[in-house]
């Protein structure tokens, strides 16, 4: 059975909504110009490396500019996302047939505006479609209305994964004092269609009435699970990052055209705690934006599924400075020190995804700060509430 191609419809352009005018407690994040990675000026390259080292150790969060995607192509993807989620083009049959089955450890498919379980949960105003390789390869696993745009979608996200993310990993490999393509060749999943074992997502957060359940906390505090997350900066301010020095949440400011990059648990564990998995959340926007929908596009890159979740032993940095037994890696270290087996990345991320976004099951207080405590494969993960 095949799906006939149709003429590409003309869709409305995405017009960025106005940025907030409120004076907020902004996070001080480093901005890295990726074009300087291949500069002929050694001083420029060294400064880029120093800025990367600081961002990785302090926040696990950074802005990336000049990464090779023109603004018009970026806005075109937002137009396609807007058409898919706001154009009333996903049929009721597709919504039911393609609905996510998160209990399987996958976000693939359509998420309705209620919870994150398979047909369960209360209204949360978050609607999205998540694409893994099967959704890119099989037209029956995606909405038919998207077919005329699949050439653009595939080209854009393939470039984001195979070019932008690869160059970012080149920079991170240099921080670890390893060959440029070490993380790409030995850690990053890149075999297969478009995003390999990772995924990308079109998502819209619809406005919720003040006081409505879930209106203030749209996505609770968490780490991403994989290697890197490429999140395109959007005008609706709702993303917050945890400042571990001052023990508080801070807002992530809009930078037109920039990529907001955060590091996942895989890289924290693989680097023996030298890289920090970003603690972040999505909350209600400031007052002057709460009436507006928040459209977002993001790619979540993953490590190879068959790779054991344990530190890289080849890094001169890790050999010289030792392991940092704190955070997520600190919990893994307890298993490693006890001689116990650790899961591979495929098992770890499936277990983590199956329960993600369900809200913290338990809360504990550490040094006066409340944390959620989640346990996976006998490993505890703590994220500030």
Foldseek 3Di string as FASTA:
>chain_A
DDDDDDAQDDFDFDDFDAFDPDDFFADDAEEAELVLCPDPDPVSNVVNLVSVLCRFQFFLKHKYPNLPDDLRLVRVVLRLLCCVPVVPQADPVQCLVQQAALLQLDQAGWHDQAFRHNPDGGGQQKIKHKDDQVVLVDVVNYGPSCRNVSVSVQVVLLCCAVRRVLSVQLSVCVNLVHHSRCCVVPWFQDPGGRQGGWMKMKMKRAFDDPPPVNQFFNFDKDFAAFAKKWKQFGRFWFKWWARPVVGDIGTHHGDRPITIMGGGPLVCFQAQNSGDGIIMGGTQGPPVPSNDMTIIIMIDTHTDQQAFRHYDPPGPVCVVPPHDLDAQNVQVVVCVVVVHGGHGSNQVSSQVSSCHRVDAPDWDADPRFIWRWDADPNGIHTHTD
